[in-house]
């Protein structure tokens, strides 16, 4: 681990090469969407976790090949419904921040463990649709193999790869939601759900999600992105 960290410090442009690879790979049809579901499962698990914490019930999590997802929950009161709807985007943003902190403190393997745990627990307790189960199963298997073979370069590179996926999608997704809240507010996902529960316009909620995402994204970049060296 220390050798990899020293290499990153000596050649910080490598980090930006990994970022470039991440942006390219995640836009490749099928393959890119497969890996981007890692942010979706964090988002949907946040809804499920909040439902449990507010004494609600999680009926199902569904993950889809287009990177979308849905979580069906039952809450005992409106306050619980609001918290469940609020949880997804901010927790994705905070997860990116946490993972970047773990990278900076050389806890790369812990990132893999966290993501595998989320996938396995979701598969066992909440995920109900075919693609969701397939994704969680193959994602867990892939990462179990990475852990088993214990190749530090692969573990460290993959942890950065996952972190950058969650970072980019946690910023882009609420901005896309903001556009939808203006153009098609009924299709604005969590913002539309919050509008239904609170009667506050969807665009206000989308603005809140976007502000949190940008703020967390700023600190994630500030904490984890090395100073860029021009060639």
Protein backbone atom coordinates (compact mmCIF):
# COMPACT_ATOMS: atom_id res chain seq x y z
CA UNK A 1 0.00 0.00 0.00
CA UNK A 2 2.70 2.45 0.97
CA UNK A 3 4.53 1.91 -2.33
CA UNK A 4 1.35 2.73 -4.27
CA UNK A 5 0.70 5.85 -2.17
CA UNK A 6 4.29 7.04 -2.67
CA UNK A 7 3.94 6.43 -6.40
CA UNK A 8 0.76 8.54 -6.46
CA UNK A 9 2.51 11.31 -4.55
CA UNK A 10 5.48 11.27 -6.90
CA UNK A 11 3.31 10.99 -10.03
CA UNK A 12 -0.02 12.68 -9.17
CA UNK A 13 -1.00 12.72 -12.83
CA UNK A 14 -1.59 8.97 -12.48
CA UNK A 15 -4.63 9.79 -10.37
CA UNK A 16 -6.02 11.88 -13.21
CA UNK A 17 -5.30 9.07 -15.64
CA UNK A 18 -7.43 6.78 -13.45
CA UNK A 19 -10.10 9.50 -13.42
CA UNK A 20 -10.00 9.69 -17.22
CA UNK A 21 -10.23 5.90 -17.49
CA UNK A 22 -13.19 5.95 -15.09
CA UNK A 23 -15.04 8.56 -17.14
CA UNK A 24 -14.40 6.61 -20.35
CA UNK A 25 -15.21 3.14 -19.01
CA UNK A 26 -18.43 4.26 -17.32
CA UNK A 27 -19.68 5.60 -20.65
CA UNK A 28 -19.06 2.36 -22.56
CA UNK A 29 -22.42 0.68 -23.34
CA UNK A 30 -23.36 -2.17 -20.97
CA UNK A 31 -19.97 -2.28 -19.21
CA UNK A 32 -20.17 1.33 -18.06
CA UNK A 33 -23.74 1.03 -16.83
CA UNK A 34 -22.86 -2.19 -15.00
CA UNK A 35 -20.22 -0.45 -12.91
CA UNK A 36 -22.31 2.70 -12.39
CA UNK A 37 -24.95 0.63 -10.59
CA UNK A 38 -22.53 0.75 -7.63
CA UNK A 39 -23.79 4.30 -6.99
CA UNK A 40 -27.39 3.18 -7.51
CA UNK A 41 -27.15 0.50 -4.83
CA UNK A 42 -25.69 3.04 -2.37
CA UNK A 43 -28.58 5.40 -3.14
CA UNK A 44 -31.28 2.74 -2.79
CA UNK A 45 -29.71 1.21 0.32
CA UNK A 46 -29.79 4.67 1.91
CA UNK A 47 -33.58 4.76 1.42
CA UNK A 48 -33.90 1.26 2.88
CA UNK A 49 -31.66 2.03 5.86
CA UNK A 50 -33.60 5.20 6.67
CA UNK A 51 -36.86 3.28 6.49
CA UNK A 52 -35.52 0.79 9.04
CA UNK A 53 -34.17 3.57 11.30
CA UNK A 54 -37.56 5.33 11.30
CA UNK A 55 -39.42 2.11 12.22
CA UNK A 56 -40.68 1.62 8.69
CA UNK A 57 -40.57 -1.45 6.50
CA UNK A 58 -38.56 -2.21 3.37
CA UNK A 59 -40.60 -4.16 0.84
CA UNK A 60 -38.08 -4.32 -2.00
CA UNK A 61 -35.09 -2.80 -3.75
CA UNK A 62 -34.94 -3.05 -7.54
CA UNK A 63 -31.85 -2.32 -9.61
CA UNK A 64 -32.04 -1.91 -13.38
CA UNK A 65 -29.60 -2.19 -16.27
CA UNK A 66 -30.01 1.50 -17.19
CA UNK A 67 -28.52 2.42 -13.75
CA UNK A 68 -31.90 3.43 -12.32
CA UNK A 69 -33.34 1.87 -9.21
CA UNK A 70 -36.30 1.94 -6.87
CA UNK A 71 -36.92 1.19 -3.22
CA UNK A 72 -40.42 0.38 -2.01
CA UNK A 73 -40.95 1.14 1.67
CA UNK A 74 -43.75 1.62 4.19
CA UNK A 75 -43.45 4.37 6.77
CA UNK A 76 -45.56 4.82 9.88
CA UNK A 77 -45.84 8.61 9.49
CA UNK A 78 -45.17 11.49 7.10
CA UNK A 79 -41.97 12.50 8.86
CA UNK A 80 -40.58 9.03 8.23
CA UNK A 81 -41.61 9.24 4.58
CA UNK A 82 -39.79 12.56 4.22
CA UNK A 83 -36.59 11.19 5.78
CA UNK A 84 -36.70 8.09 3.57
CA UNK A 85 -37.10 10.21 0.43
CA UNK A 86 -34.37 12.59 1.57
CA UNK A 87 -31.76 9.92 2.27
CA UNK A 88 -30.68 8.75 -1.19
CA UNK A 89 -28.77 11.61 -2.79
CA UNK A 90 -27.05 13.04 0.33
CA UNK A 91 -25.84 9.63 1.51
CA UNK A 92 -24.37 8.92 -1.95
CA UNK A 93 -22.51 12.22 -1.72
CA UNK A 94 -21.31 11.48 1.80
CA UNK A 95 -20.23 7.99 0.74
CA UNK A 96 -17.99 9.48 -1.94
CA UNK A 97 -16.46 11.77 0.69
CA UNK A 98 -15.94 8.89 3.13
CA UNK A 99 -14.35 6.68 0.47
CA UNK A 100 -11.96 9.43 -0.60
CA UNK A 101 -10.95 9.86 3.04
CA UNK A 102 -10.33 6.10 3.25
CA UNK A 103 -8.16 6.28 0.14
CA UNK A 104 -6.11 9.11 1.63
CA UNK A 105 -5.64 7.07 4.81
CA UNK A 106 -4.62 3.99 2.77
CA UNK A 107 -7.71 1.96 3.73
CA UNK A 108 -8.36 0.75 0.19
CA UNK A 109 -9.42 -2.75 1.19
CA UNK A 110 -12.06 -1.35 3.55
CA UNK A 111 -13.74 0.33 0.58
CA UNK A 112 -14.05 -3.02 -1.18
CA UNK A 113 -15.41 -4.63 2.00
CA UNK A 114 -18.02 -1.88 2.45
CA UNK A 115 -19.29 -2.17 -1.12
CA UNK A 116 -19.36 -5.98 -1.03
CA UNK A 117 -21.21 -5.88 2.29
CA UNK A 118 -23.84 -3.54 0.87
CA UNK A 119 -24.30 -5.80 -2.17
CA UNK A 120 -24.48 -9.05 -0.16
CA UNK A 121 -26.84 -7.69 2.50
CA UNK A 122 -29.02 -6.14 -0.18
CA UNK A 123 -29.11 -9.41 -2.12
CA UNK A 124 -30.06 -11.37 1.00
CA UNK A 125 -32.66 -9.01 2.45
CA UNK A 126 -34.03 -6.47 0.02
CA UNK A 127 -33.23 -6.91 -3.69
CA UNK A 128 -36.11 -8.61 -5.47
CA UNK A 129 -35.80 -8.19 -9.24
CA UNK A 130 -33.78 -10.44 -11.55
CA UNK A 131 -31.26 -7.89 -12.79
CA UNK A 132 -30.69 -6.60 -9.28
CA UNK A 133 -29.92 -10.09 -7.97
CA UNK A 134 -27.68 -10.81 -10.98
CA UNK A 135 -25.79 -7.56 -10.51
CA UNK A 136 -25.33 -7.99 -6.76
CA UNK A 137 -24.21 -11.60 -7.22
CA UNK A 138 -21.67 -10.92 -9.96
CA UNK A 139 -20.40 -7.72 -8.30
CA UNK A 140 -19.88 -9.56 -5.00
CA UNK A 141 -18.15 -12.47 -6.73
CA UNK A 142 -15.83 -10.17 -8.67
CA UNK A 143 -14.78 -8.33 -5.54
CA UNK A 144 -14.47 -11.47 -3.43
CA UNK A 145 -11.97 -12.69 -6.03
CA UNK A 146 -10.09 -9.40 -5.79
CA UNK A 147 -9.94 -9.79 -2.00
CA UNK A 148 -8.94 -13.46 -2.23
CA UNK A 149 -6.02 -12.93 -4.62
CA UNK A 150 -4.91 -9.92 -2.57
CA UNK A 151 -3.16 -8.06 -5.36
CA UNK A 152 -2.54 -4.68 -3.77
CA UNK A 153 -2.26 -2.79 -7.04
CA UNK A 154 -5.65 -4.16 -8.18
CA UNK A 155 -7.28 -3.44 -4.79
CA UNK A 156 -5.96 0.11 -4.67
CA UNK A 157 -6.79 0.91 -8.30
CA UNK A 158 -10.28 -0.60 -7.98
CA UNK A 159 -10.99 1.34 -4.79
CA UNK A 160 -10.11 4.59 -6.58
CA UNK A 161 -12.20 3.50 -9.58
CA UNK A 162 -15.29 2.86 -7.42
CA UNK A 163 -14.80 6.08 -5.47
CA UNK A 164 -14.60 8.16 -8.62
CA UNK A 165 -17.72 6.48 -10.03
CA UNK A 166 -19.69 7.29 -6.89
CA UNK A 167 -18.26 10.82 -6.81
CA UNK A 168 -19.14 11.66 -10.41
CA UNK A 169 -22.59 10.07 -10.33
CA UNK A 170 -23.43 11.56 -6.92
CA UNK A 171 -22.88 15.01 -8.45
CA UNK A 172 -24.37 14.41 -11.90
CA UNK A 173 -27.53 12.59 -10.72
CA UNK A 174 -29.01 15.43 -8.61
CA UNK A 175 -28.19 17.95 -11.34
CA UNK A 176 -30.11 15.75 -13.79
CA UNK A 177 -32.91 15.58 -11.22
CA UNK A 178 -32.91 19.37 -11.07
CA UNK A 179 -33.46 19.57 -14.82
CA UNK A 180 -36.30 17.04 -14.58
CA UNK A 181 -37.89 18.94 -11.70
CA UNK A 182 -38.18 21.96 -13.99
CA UNK A 183 -39.12 20.22 -17.25
CA UNK A 184 -41.03 17.13 -16.02
CA UNK A 185 -41.59 17.50 -12.30
CA UNK A 186 -43.80 14.40 -12.07
CA UNK A 187 -40.82 12.28 -13.18
CA UNK A 188 -38.35 13.87 -10.77
CA UNK A 189 -37.95 10.79 -8.58
CA UNK A 190 -37.24 11.58 -4.94
CA UNK A 191 -38.01 15.27 -5.46
CA UNK A 192 -41.45 14.35 -6.82
CA UNK A 193 -42.05 12.04 -3.84
CA UNK A 194 -41.12 14.82 -1.45
CA UNK A 195 -43.41 17.24 -3.27
CA UNK A 196 -46.28 14.78 -2.85
CA UNK A 197 -45.59 14.39 0.88
CA UNK A 198 -44.74 17.99 1.81
CA UNK A 199 -46.40 20.06 -0.97
CA UNK A 200 -43.09 21.88 -1.43
CA UNK A 201 -42.21 22.16 -5.14
CA UNK A 202 -39.95 19.42 -6.52
CA UNK A 203 -37.47 22.01 -7.80
CA UNK A 204 -36.77 23.16 -4.21
CA UNK A 205 -35.88 19.63 -3.16
CA UNK A 206 -33.79 19.13 -6.30
CA UNK A 207 -31.92 22.36 -5.54
CA UNK A 208 -31.25 21.09 -2.01
CA UNK A 209 -29.92 17.76 -3.31
CA UNK A 210 -27.75 19.55 -5.87
CA UNK A 211 -26.34 21.96 -3.27
CA UNK A 212 -25.42 19.08 -0.94
CA UNK A 213 -23.87 17.15 -3.84
CA UNK A 214 -21.77 20.11 -4.98
CA UNK A 215 -20.65 20.89 -1.43
CA UNK A 216 -19.66 17.28 -0.70
CA UNK A 217 -18.12 16.97 -4.15
CA UNK A 218 -16.00 20.06 -3.51
CA UNK A 219 -14.65 18.64 -0.25
CA UNK A 220 -14.11 15.23 -1.80
CA UNK A 221 -12.00 16.79 -4.52
CA UNK A 222 -10.20 19.07 -2.05
CA UNK A 223 -9.36 16.17 0.27
CA UNK A 224 -8.46 13.54 -2.29
CA UNK A 225 -7.36 15.05 -5.59
CA UNK A 226 -3.59 15.58 -5.75
CA UNK A 227 -2.10 18.75 -7.17
CA UNK A 228 -2.09 18.41 -10.94
CA UNK A 229 1.34 18.47 -12.60
CA UNK A 230 1.37 19.82 -16.14
CA UNK A 231 3.33 17.71 -18.57
